[in-house]
Amino acid sequence: MNSLRNSWLEADDEHLLRDCVQDFHKASGKGGQKVNKTSSAVRLTHTPSGISVTEAENRSQTANRLGALRKLRLRIAMTLRCEIDGGAPVADPFYIPSVSNVHAYAPWLAVLLDHLAFDSWDVRKTAERYGISPSKLVKIIFRDAELWQELNRKRAAAGLAPLRGVK
């Protein structure tokens, strides 16, 4: 799974889209009269993984497709875990790609979550592996609200207390 997940995360949009079933539909919700007139909402179902995402923020189908691809990369990174070699060195812990650069951020996020899963969601153990303080790792995680929520869900499932917010 490791090489498959990583290849999906590193693929360009065109190649990732080839593995998806695209569904276009009319959006519902805010937007006035135009919202139900065009099929601009996009649902992508990544066939190999079964992961599905929807985007309907824009009136443009093209913009929604790009948004859905971004969401798909992040969902793959958050959902699919790969086994790691606990003794292997980690990448540079101070290189943290911007969330806006999903092509770099999604693979980084996937590896971080792999390490956290390996350490049974114990931030202190993962921070030691990365050679940084637990508070530094918590601050890094806190910058991404979805990652923060996902990690606290995993910690709760493992019987650990939720992480506290950073001031």
C-alpha atoms as a PDB file:
ATOM      1  CA  MET A   1       0.000   0.000   0.000  1.00  0.00           C
ATOM      2  CA  ASN A   2       2.897   2.337   0.788  1.00  0.00           C
ATOM      3  CA  SER A   3       4.081   2.769  -2.770  1.00  0.00           C
ATOM      4  CA  LEU A   4       0.509   2.941  -4.098  1.00  0.00           C
ATOM      5  CA  ARG A   5      -0.563   5.636  -1.656  1.00  0.00           C
ATOM      6  CA  ASN A   6       2.569   7.634  -2.288  1.00  0.00           C
ATOM      7  CA  SER A   7       2.172   7.372  -6.067  1.00  0.00           C
ATOM      8  CA  TRP A   8      -1.408   8.663  -5.779  1.00  0.00           C
ATOM      9  CA  LEU A   9      -0.281  11.585  -3.626  1.00  0.00           C
ATOM     10  CA  GLU A  10       2.605  12.474  -5.922  1.00  0.00           C
ATOM     11  CA  ALA A  11       0.700  12.062  -9.204  1.00  0.00           C
ATOM     12  CA  ASP A  12      -0.196  15.155 -11.180  1.00  0.00           C
ATOM     13  CA  ASP A  13      -3.861  16.097 -11.313  1.00  0.00           C
ATOM     14  CA  GLU A  14      -4.439  14.530 -14.727  1.00  0.00           C
ATOM     15  CA  HIS A  15      -3.110  11.112 -13.642  1.00  0.00           C
ATOM     16  CA  LEU A  16      -4.973  11.141 -10.330  1.00  0.00           C
ATOM     17  CA  LEU A  17      -8.182  12.105 -12.138  1.00  0.00           C
ATOM     18  CA  ARG A  18      -7.827   9.053 -14.431  1.00  0.00           C
ATOM     19  CA  ASP A  19      -8.297   6.830 -11.355  1.00  0.00           C
ATOM     20  CA  CYS A  20     -11.518   8.616 -10.395  1.00  0.00           C
ATOM     21  CA  VAL A  21     -15.159   8.382 -11.305  1.00  0.00           C
ATOM     22  CA  GLN A  22     -16.414  11.930 -11.786  1.00  0.00           C
ATOM     23  CA  ASP A  23     -19.998  12.827 -10.997  1.00  0.00           C
ATOM     24  CA  PHE A  24     -21.412  16.272 -11.692  1.00  0.00           C
ATOM     25  CA  HIS A  25     -24.579  17.451 -10.025  1.00  0.00           C
ATOM     26  CA  LYS A  26     -26.456  20.562  -9.048  1.00  0.00           C
ATOM     27  CA  ALA A  27     -25.324  22.064  -5.780  1.00  0.00           C
ATOM     28  CA  SER A  28     -27.716  22.810  -2.984  1.00  0.00           C
ATOM     29  CA  GLY A  29     -27.541  25.432  -0.286  1.00  0.00           C
ATOM     30  CA  LYS A  30     -26.529  29.089  -0.459  1.00  0.00           C
ATOM     31  CA  GLY A  31     -25.989  30.733  -3.797  1.00  0.00           C
ATOM     32  CA  GLY A  32     -29.295  32.143  -4.883  1.00  0.00           C
ATOM     33  CA  GLN A  33     -31.050  31.281  -8.098  1.00  0.00           C
ATOM     34  CA  LYS A  34     -27.944  30.102  -9.967  1.00  0.00           C
ATOM     35  CA  VAL A  35     -27.144  27.325  -7.490  1.00  0.00           C
ATOM     36  CA  ASN A  36     -29.648  24.819  -8.904  1.00  0.00           C
ATOM     37  CA  LYS A  37     -29.346  25.752 -12.586  1.00  0.00           C
ATOM     38  CA  THR A  38     -25.954  24.308 -13.468  1.00  0.00           C
ATOM     39  CA  SER A  39     -24.323  20.994 -12.638  1.00  0.00           C
ATOM     40  CA  SER A  40     -21.193  22.594 -11.241  1.00  0.00           C
ATOM     41  CA  ALA A  41     -20.782  20.498  -8.087  1.00  0.00           C
ATOM     42  CA  VAL A  42     -18.199  17.720  -8.455  1.00  0.00           C
ATOM     43  CA  ARG A  43     -17.960  14.366  -6.697  1.00  0.00           C
ATOM     44  CA  LEU A  44     -14.804  12.348  -7.220  1.00  0.00           C
ATOM     45  CA  THR A  45     -14.619   8.701  -6.239  1.00  0.00           C
ATOM     46  CA  HIS A  46     -11.075   7.355  -6.282  1.00  0.00           C
ATOM     47  CA  THR A  47     -11.688   3.838  -7.563  1.00  0.00           C
ATOM     48  CA  PRO A  48      -8.552   2.095  -6.197  1.00  0.00           C
ATOM     49  CA  SER A  49      -9.030   3.374  -2.636  1.00  0.00           C
ATOM     50  CA  GLY A  50     -12.811   3.859  -2.563  1.00  0.00           C
ATOM     51  CA  ILE A  51     -12.381   7.361  -1.129  1.00  0.00           C
ATOM     52  CA  SER A  52     -14.989   9.880  -2.244  1.00  0.00           C
ATOM     53  CA  VAL A  53     -15.011  13.685  -1.926  1.00  0.00           C
ATOM     54  CA  THR A  54     -17.385  16.434  -3.022  1.00  0.00           C
ATOM     55  CA  GLU A  55     -16.749  20.084  -3.857  1.00  0.00           C
ATOM     56  CA  ALA A  56     -19.429  22.671  -4.609  1.00  0.00           C
ATOM     57  CA  GLU A  57     -17.917  25.955  -3.379  1.00  0.00           C
ATOM     58  CA  ASN A  58     -17.744  27.634  -6.791  1.00  0.00           C
ATOM     59  CA  ARG A  59     -20.100  28.114  -9.700  1.00  0.00           C
ATOM     60  CA  SER A  60     -17.333  26.838 -11.954  1.00  0.00           C
ATOM     61  CA  GLN A  61     -17.182  23.096 -12.541  1.00  0.00           C
ATOM     62  CA  THR A  62     -13.458  23.403 -13.333  1.00  0.00           C
ATOM     63  CA  ALA A  63     -12.715  25.190 -10.056  1.00  0.00           C
ATOM     64  CA  ASN A  64     -14.771  22.615  -8.158  1.00  0.00           C
ATOM     65  CA  ARG A  65     -12.883  19.764  -9.849  1.00  0.00           C
ATOM     66  CA  LEU A  66      -9.566  21.278  -8.722  1.00  0.00           C
ATOM     67  CA  GLY A  67     -10.951  21.733  -5.206  1.00  0.00           C
ATOM     68  CA  ALA A  68     -12.154  18.130  -5.172  1.00  0.00           C
ATOM     69  CA  LEU A  69      -8.711  16.894  -6.275  1.00  0.00           C
ATOM     70  CA  ARG A  70      -7.131  18.861  -3.429  1.00  0.00           C
ATOM     71  CA  LYS A  71      -9.597  17.358  -0.943  1.00  0.00           C
ATOM     72  CA  LEU A  72      -8.982  13.886  -2.376  1.00  0.00           C
ATOM     73  CA  ARG A  73      -5.206  14.144  -1.876  1.00  0.00           C
ATOM     74  CA  LEU A  74      -5.674  15.273   1.716  1.00  0.00           C
ATOM     75  CA  ARG A  75      -8.267  12.550   2.427  1.00  0.00           C
ATOM     76  CA  ILE A  76      -5.937   9.871   1.005  1.00  0.00           C
ATOM     77  CA  ALA A  77      -3.118  11.223   3.203  1.00  0.00           C
ATOM     78  CA  MET A  78      -5.351  11.265   6.295  1.00  0.00           C
ATOM     79  CA  THR A  79      -7.005   7.903   5.710  1.00  0.00           C
ATOM     80  CA  LEU A  80      -4.500   5.430   4.298  1.00  0.00           C
ATOM     81  CA  ARG A  81      -1.757   4.302   6.681  1.00  0.00           C
ATOM     82  CA  CYS A  82       1.463   2.593   5.707  1.00  0.00           C
ATOM     83  CA  GLU A  83       3.824   0.618   7.889  1.00  0.00           C
ATOM     84  CA  ILE A  84       7.107   2.295   8.710  1.00  0.00           C
ATOM     85  CA  ASP A  85      10.472   1.052   9.863  1.00  0.00           C
ATOM     86  CA  GLY A  86      10.648   2.345  13.433  1.00  0.00           C
ATOM     87  CA  GLY A  87      14.433   2.527  13.316  1.00  0.00           C
ATOM     88  CA  ALA A  88      14.673   4.406  10.044  1.00  0.00           C
ATOM     89  CA  PRO A  89      15.588   8.086  10.224  1.00  0.00           C
ATOM     90  CA  VAL A  90      12.828  10.573   9.511  1.00  0.00           C
ATOM     91  CA  ALA A  91      12.914  13.376   7.014  1.00  0.00           C
ATOM     92  CA  ASP A  92      13.998  16.846   8.059  1.00  0.00           C
ATOM     93  CA  PRO A  93      11.593  17.698  10.903  1.00  0.00           C
ATOM     94  CA  PHE A  94      11.934  21.406  10.222  1.00  0.00           C
ATOM     95  CA  TYR A  95      10.754  21.128   6.613  1.00  0.00           C
ATOM     96  CA  ILE A  96       7.029  21.696   6.807  1.00  0.00           C
ATOM     97  CA  PRO A  97       5.399  22.446   3.461  1.00  0.00           C
ATOM     98  CA  SER A  98       2.623  24.988   3.282  1.00  0.00           C
ATOM     99  CA  VAL A  99      -0.912  23.582   3.433  1.00  0.00           C
ATOM    100  CA  SER A 100      -1.628  25.567   0.267  1.00  0.00           C
ATOM    101  CA  ASN A 101       0.949  23.464  -1.647  1.00  0.00           C
ATOM    102  CA  VAL A 102      -1.046  20.228  -1.534  1.00  0.00           C
ATOM    103  CA  HIS A 103       1.401  18.362  -3.800  1.00  0.00           C
ATOM    104  CA  ALA A 104       4.110  18.717  -1.133  1.00  0.00           C
ATOM    105  CA  TYR A 105       1.878  18.863   1.940  1.00  0.00           C
ATOM    106  CA  ALA A 106      -0.167  15.670   1.370  1.00  0.00           C
ATOM    107  CA  PRO A 107       2.860  13.292   1.238  1.00  0.00           C
ATOM    108  CA  TRP A 108       4.399  15.048   4.269  1.00  0.00           C
ATOM    109  CA  LEU A 109       1.090  14.732   6.138  1.00  0.00           C
ATOM    110  CA  ALA A 110       0.760  11.032   5.263  1.00  0.00           C
ATOM    111  CA  VAL A 111       4.243  10.255   6.605  1.00  0.00           C
ATOM    112  CA  LEU A 112       3.626  12.228   9.808  1.00  0.00           C
ATOM    113  CA  LEU A 113       0.401  10.288  10.399  1.00  0.00           C
ATOM    114  CA  ASP A 114       2.211   7.012   9.647  1.00  0.00           C
ATOM    115  CA  HIS A 115       4.703   7.840  12.406  1.00  0.00           C
ATOM    116  CA  LEU A 116       1.961   8.868  14.816  1.00  0.00           C
ATOM    117  CA  ALA A 117       0.086   5.620  14.093  1.00  0.00           C
ATOM    118  CA  PHE A 118       3.311   3.628  14.619  1.00  0.00           C
ATOM    119  CA  ASP A 119       3.666   5.330  18.011  1.00  0.00           C
ATOM    120  CA  SER A 120       0.015   4.565  18.920  1.00  0.00           C
ATOM    121  CA  TRP A 121      -0.895   8.261  18.496  1.00  0.00           C
ATOM    122  CA  ASP A 122       1.528   9.313  21.263  1.00  0.00           C
ATOM    123  CA  VAL A 123       2.813  12.736  20.223  1.00  0.00           C
ATOM    124  CA  ARG A 124       5.719  12.570  22.687  1.00  0.00           C
ATOM    125  CA  LYS A 125       7.131   9.394  21.066  1.00  0.00           C
ATOM    126  CA  THR A 126       6.745  10.783  17.562  1.00  0.00           C
ATOM    127  CA  ALA A 127       8.376  14.066  18.565  1.00  0.00           C
ATOM    128  CA  GLU A 128      11.367  12.106  19.918  1.00  0.00           C
ATOM    129  CA  ARG A 129      11.618  10.223  16.628  1.00  0.00           C
ATOM    130  CA  TYR A 130      11.637  13.558  14.779  1.00  0.00           C
ATOM    131  CA  GLY A 131      14.159  15.066  17.172  1.00  0.00           C
ATOM    132  CA  ILE A 132      11.893  17.933  18.238  1.00  0.00           C
ATOM    133  CA  SER A 133      10.018  18.764  21.415  1.00  0.00           C
ATOM    134  CA  PRO A 134       6.456  17.511  21.892  1.00  0.00           C
ATOM    135  CA  SER A 135       5.246  21.118  22.144  1.00  0.00           C
ATOM    136  CA  LYS A 136       6.853  21.940  18.773  1.00  0.00           C
ATOM    137  CA  LEU A 137       5.082  18.973  17.171  1.00  0.00           C
ATOM    138  CA  VAL A 138       1.767  19.975  18.757  1.00  0.00           C
ATOM    139  CA  LYS A 139       2.203  23.503  17.343  1.00  0.00           C
ATOM    140  CA  ILE A 140       2.858  22.053  13.880  1.00  0.00           C
ATOM    141  CA  ILE A 141      -0.237  19.848  14.083  1.00  0.00           C
ATOM    142  CA  PHE A 142      -2.394  22.684  15.479  1.00  0.00           C
ATOM    143  CA  ARG A 143      -1.879  24.748  12.294  1.00  0.00           C
ATOM    144  CA  ASP A 144      -4.071  22.304  10.330  1.00  0.00           C
ATOM    145  CA  ALA A 145      -7.571  22.130  11.854  1.00  0.00           C
ATOM    146  CA  GLU A 146      -8.496  18.921  10.022  1.00  0.00           C
ATOM    147  CA  LEU A 147      -5.280  17.219  11.131  1.00  0.00           C
ATOM    148  CA  TRP A 148      -5.899  18.380  14.707  1.00  0.00           C
ATOM    149  CA  GLN A 149      -9.416  16.903  14.693  1.00  0.00           C
ATOM    150  CA  GLU A 150      -8.301  13.667  13.048  1.00  0.00           C
ATOM    151  CA  LEU A 151      -5.468  13.174  15.531  1.00  0.00           C
ATOM    152  CA  ASN A 152      -7.801  13.778  18.472  1.00  0.00           C
ATOM    153  CA  ARG A 153     -10.275  11.234  17.016  1.00  0.00           C
ATOM    154  CA  LYS A 154      -7.480   8.668  16.715  1.00  0.00           C
ATOM    155  CA  ARG A 155      -6.236   9.439  20.232  1.00  0.00           C
ATOM    156  CA  ALA A 156      -9.763   9.041  21.646  1.00  0.00           C
ATOM    157  CA  ALA A 157     -10.142   5.683  19.879  1.00  0.00           C
ATOM    158  CA  ALA A 158      -6.816   4.613  21.437  1.00  0.00           C
ATOM    159  CA  GLY A 159      -7.993   5.682  24.906  1.00  0.00           C
ATOM    160  CA  LEU A 160      -5.734   8.750  25.059  1.00  0.00           C
ATOM    161  CA  ALA A 161      -6.743  12.224  26.183  1.00  0.00           C
ATOM    162  CA  PRO A 162      -7.277  14.816  23.451  1.00  0.00           C
ATOM    163  CA  LEU A 163      -4.519  17.282  22.769  1.00  0.00           C
ATOM    164  CA  ARG A 164      -5.078  20.738  24.201  1.00  0.00           C
ATOM    165  CA  GLY A 165      -5.072  23.818  21.997  1.00  0.00           C
ATOM    166  CA  VAL A 166      -1.995  25.961  21.560  1.00  0.00           C
ATOM    167  CA  LYS A 167      -1.971  29.545  22.798  1.00  0.00           C
END
